[in-house]
């Protein structure tokens, strides 16, 4: 997934799994996403 370039495959897969478990709906309306910055994360 292209979005993995921003956060890494592990984070994106976890977010996708979270959404699927909660029955979020996925529709294809074009390319759109929201990227947030977590200031508390230290790498």
PDB file of N, CA and C in Angstrom:
ATOM      1  N   UNK A   1       0.838  -1.181   0.000  1.00  0.00           N
ATOM      2  CA  UNK A   1       0.000   0.000   0.000  1.00  0.00           C
ATOM      3  C   UNK A   1       0.881   1.241   0.000  1.00  0.00           C
ATOM      4  N   UNK A   2       0.535   2.179  -0.817  1.00  0.00           N
ATOM      5  CA  UNK A   2       1.318   3.402  -0.940  1.00  0.00           C
ATOM      6  C   UNK A   2       1.402   4.169   0.378  1.00  0.00           C
ATOM      7  N   UNK A   3       0.324   4.181   1.131  1.00  0.00           N
ATOM      8  CA  UNK A   3       0.306   4.920   2.396  1.00  0.00           C
ATOM      9  C   UNK A   3       1.327   4.372   3.393  1.00  0.00           C
ATOM     10  N   UNK A   4       1.785   3.154   3.212  1.00  0.00           N
ATOM     11  CA  UNK A   4       2.788   2.558   4.103  1.00  0.00           C
ATOM     12  C   UNK A   4       4.106   3.323   4.078  1.00  0.00           C
ATOM     13  N   UNK A   5       4.357   4.064   3.026  1.00  0.00           N
ATOM     14  CA  UNK A   5       5.577   4.863   2.950  1.00  0.00           C
ATOM     15  C   UNK A   5       5.609   5.936   4.032  1.00  0.00           C
ATOM     16  N   UNK A   6       4.462   6.341   4.521  1.00  0.00           N
ATOM     17  CA  UNK A   6       4.399   7.377   5.547  1.00  0.00           C
ATOM     18  C   UNK A   6       4.519   6.831   6.959  1.00  0.00           C
ATOM     19  N   UNK A   7       4.044   5.627   7.174  1.00  0.00           N
ATOM     20  CA  UNK A   7       3.952   5.130   8.543  1.00  0.00           C
ATOM     21  C   UNK A   7       4.535   3.744   8.735  1.00  0.00           C
ATOM     22  N   UNK A   8       4.837   3.061   7.680  1.00  0.00           N
ATOM     23  CA  UNK A   8       5.337   1.694   7.791  1.00  0.00           C
ATOM     24  C   UNK A   8       4.204   0.691   7.673  1.00  0.00           C
ATOM     25  N   UNK A   9       4.518  -0.459   7.123  1.00  0.00           N
ATOM     26  CA  UNK A   9       3.498  -1.475   6.859  1.00  0.00           C
ATOM     27  C   UNK A   9       2.812  -1.948   8.140  1.00  0.00           C
ATOM     28  N   UNK A  10       3.557  -2.108   9.221  1.00  0.00           N
ATOM     29  CA  UNK A  10       2.974  -2.588  10.478  1.00  0.00           C
ATOM     30  C   UNK A  10       1.883  -1.680  11.013  1.00  0.00           C
ATOM     31  N   UNK A  11       2.130  -0.372  11.008  1.00  0.00           N
ATOM     32  CA  UNK A  11       1.137   0.587  11.505  1.00  0.00           C
ATOM     33  C   UNK A  11      -0.107   0.607  10.622  1.00  0.00           C
ATOM     34  N   UNK A  12       0.102   0.572   9.329  1.00  0.00           N
ATOM     35  CA  UNK A  12      -1.027   0.621   8.400  1.00  0.00           C
ATOM     36  C   UNK A  12      -1.861  -0.652   8.493  1.00  0.00           C
ATOM     37  N   UNK A  13      -1.199  -1.799   8.591  1.00  0.00           N
ATOM     38  CA  UNK A  13      -1.941  -3.059   8.726  1.00  0.00           C
ATOM     39  C   UNK A  13      -2.734  -3.083  10.027  1.00  0.00           C
ATOM     40  N   UNK A  14      -2.168  -2.550  11.102  1.00  0.00           N
ATOM     41  CA  UNK A  14      -2.881  -2.488  12.384  1.00  0.00           C
ATOM     42  C   UNK A  14      -4.105  -1.579  12.275  1.00  0.00           C
ATOM     43  N   UNK A  15      -3.959  -0.451  11.610  1.00  0.00           N
ATOM     44  CA  UNK A  15      -5.090   0.459  11.422  1.00  0.00           C
ATOM     45  C   UNK A  15      -6.174  -0.193  10.568  1.00  0.00           C
ATOM     46  N   UNK A  16      -5.779  -0.897   9.527  1.00  0.00           N
ATOM     47  CA  UNK A  16      -6.732  -1.587   8.663  1.00  0.00           C
ATOM     48  C   UNK A  16      -7.462  -2.683   9.441  1.00  0.00           C
ATOM     49  N   UNK A  17      -6.711  -3.459  10.226  1.00  0.00           N
ATOM     50  CA  UNK A  17      -7.314  -4.518  11.039  1.00  0.00           C
ATOM     51  C   UNK A  17      -8.323  -3.926  12.025  1.00  0.00           C
ATOM     52  N   UNK A  18      -7.971  -2.815  12.662  1.00  0.00           N
ATOM     53  CA  UNK A  18      -8.859  -2.118  13.592  1.00  0.00           C
ATOM     54  C   UNK A  18     -10.167  -1.737  12.885  1.00  0.00           C
ATOM     55  N   UNK A  19     -10.038  -1.167  11.693  1.00  0.00           N
ATOM     56  CA  UNK A  19     -11.215  -0.738  10.939  1.00  0.00           C
ATOM     57  C   UNK A  19     -12.086  -1.922  10.531  1.00  0.00           C
ATOM     58  N   UNK A  20     -11.481  -3.005  10.100  1.00  0.00           N
ATOM     59  CA  UNK A  20     -12.240  -4.189   9.681  1.00  0.00           C
ATOM     60  C   UNK A  20     -12.959  -4.810  10.877  1.00  0.00           C
ATOM     61  N   UNK A  21     -12.281  -4.908  12.010  1.00  0.00           N
ATOM     62  CA  UNK A  21     -12.899  -5.489  13.210  1.00  0.00           C
ATOM     63  C   UNK A  21     -14.111  -4.689  13.664  1.00  0.00           C
ATOM     64  N   UNK A  22     -14.108  -3.395  13.422  1.00  0.00           N
ATOM     65  CA  UNK A  22     -15.213  -2.531  13.834  1.00  0.00           C
ATOM     66  C   UNK A  22     -16.198  -2.271  12.699  1.00  0.00           C
ATOM     67  N   UNK A  23     -16.041  -3.035  11.634  1.00  0.00           N
ATOM     68  CA  UNK A  23     -16.943  -2.984  10.481  1.00  0.00           C
ATOM     69  C   UNK A  23     -17.027  -1.607   9.836  1.00  0.00           C
ATOM     70  N   UNK A  24     -15.897  -0.900   9.796  1.00  0.00           N
ATOM     71  CA  UNK A  24     -15.861   0.357   9.056  1.00  0.00           C
ATOM     72  C   UNK A  24     -16.120   0.033   7.590  1.00  0.00           C
ATOM     73  N   UNK A  25     -16.743   0.945   6.900  1.00  0.00           N
ATOM     74  CA  UNK A  25     -17.030   0.740   5.483  1.00  0.00           C
ATOM     75  C   UNK A  25     -15.924   1.363   4.645  1.00  0.00           C
ATOM     76  N   UNK A  26     -15.538   0.648   3.617  1.00  0.00           N
ATOM     77  CA  UNK A  26     -14.516   1.131   2.698  1.00  0.00           C
ATOM     78  C   UNK A  26     -15.169   1.378   1.347  1.00  0.00           C
ATOM     79  N   UNK A  27     -15.072   2.592   0.881  1.00  0.00           N
ATOM     80  CA  UNK A  27     -15.616   2.943  -0.422  1.00  0.00           C
ATOM     81  C   UNK A  27     -14.502   3.560  -1.253  1.00  0.00           C
ATOM     82  N   UNK A  28     -14.643   3.486  -2.540  1.00  0.00           N
ATOM     83  CA  UNK A  28     -13.640   4.062  -3.430  1.00  0.00           C
ATOM     84  C   UNK A  28     -14.200   5.338  -4.049  1.00  0.00           C
ATOM     85  N   UNK A  29     -13.841   6.467  -3.474  1.00  0.00           N
ATOM     86  CA  UNK A  29     -14.268   7.767  -3.994  1.00  0.00           C
ATOM     87  C   UNK A  29     -13.077   8.552  -4.528  1.00  0.00           C
ATOM     88  N   UNK A  30     -12.016   7.878  -4.815  1.00  0.00           N
ATOM     89  CA  UNK A  30     -10.802   8.561  -5.245  1.00  0.00           C
ATOM     90  C   UNK A  30      -9.772   8.496  -4.127  1.00  0.00           C
ATOM     91  N   UNK A  31      -8.670   9.146  -4.334  1.00  0.00           N
ATOM     92  CA  UNK A  31      -7.588   9.117  -3.357  1.00  0.00           C
ATOM     93  C   UNK A  31      -7.771  10.231  -2.334  1.00  0.00           C
ATOM     94  N   UNK A  32      -7.918   9.839  -1.091  1.00  0.00           N
ATOM     95  CA  UNK A  32      -8.029  10.806  -0.006  1.00  0.00           C
ATOM     96  C   UNK A  32      -7.576  10.147   1.281  1.00  0.00           C
ATOM     97  N   UNK A  33      -6.888  10.911   2.114  1.00  0.00           N
ATOM     98  CA  UNK A  33      -6.485  10.394   3.410  1.00  0.00           C
ATOM     99  C   UNK A  33      -6.157  11.559   4.319  1.00  0.00           C
ATOM    100  N   UNK A  34      -6.161  11.285   5.607  1.00  0.00           N
ATOM    101  CA  UNK A  34      -5.787  12.274   6.604  1.00  0.00           C
ATOM    102  C   UNK A  34      -4.551  11.752   7.307  1.00  0.00           C
ATOM    103  N   UNK A  35      -3.511  12.554   7.345  1.00  0.00           N
ATOM    104  CA  UNK A  35      -2.289  12.180   8.046  1.00  0.00           C
ATOM    105  C   UNK A  35      -2.164  13.066   9.267  1.00  0.00           C
ATOM    106  N   UNK A  36      -2.011  12.439  10.421  1.00  0.00           N
ATOM    107  CA  UNK A  36      -1.837  13.191  11.658  1.00  0.00           C
ATOM    108  C   UNK A  36      -0.445  12.981  12.211  1.00  0.00           C
ATOM    109  N   UNK A  37       0.021  13.921  12.962  1.00  0.00           N
ATOM    110  CA  UNK A  37       1.353  13.824  13.544  1.00  0.00           C
ATOM    111  C   UNK A  37       1.202  13.577  15.039  1.00  0.00           C
ATOM    112  N   UNK A  38       1.850  12.537  15.522  1.00  0.00           N
ATOM    113  CA  UNK A  38       1.834  12.218  16.942  1.00  0.00           C
ATOM    114  C   UNK A  38       3.118  12.771  17.545  1.00  0.00           C
ATOM    115  N   UNK A  39       3.030  13.908  18.195  1.00  0.00           N
ATOM    116  CA  UNK A  39       4.211  14.584  18.736  1.00  0.00           C
ATOM    117  C   UNK A  39       4.876  13.796  19.857  1.00  0.00           C
ATOM    118  N   UNK A  40       4.147  12.861  20.492  1.00  0.00           N
ATOM    119  CA  UNK A  40       4.691  12.119  21.617  1.00  0.00           C
ATOM    120  C   UNK A  40       5.557  10.934  21.237  1.00  0.00           C
ATOM    121  N   UNK A  41       5.654  10.618  19.958  1.00  0.00           N
ATOM    122  CA  UNK A  41       6.402   9.435  19.528  1.00  0.00           C
ATOM    123  C   UNK A  41       7.873   9.785  19.347  1.00  0.00           C
ATOM    124  N   UNK A  42       8.717   8.993  19.974  1.00  0.00           N
ATOM    125  CA  UNK A  42      10.161   9.167  19.832  1.00  0.00           C
ATOM    126  C   UNK A  42      10.710   7.925  19.173  1.00  0.00           C
ATOM    127  N   UNK A  43      11.497   8.095  18.133  1.00  0.00           N
ATOM    128  CA  UNK A  43      12.069   6.950  17.431  1.00  0.00           C
ATOM    129  C   UNK A  43      13.557   6.931  17.589  1.00  0.00           C
TER     130      UNK A  43
END
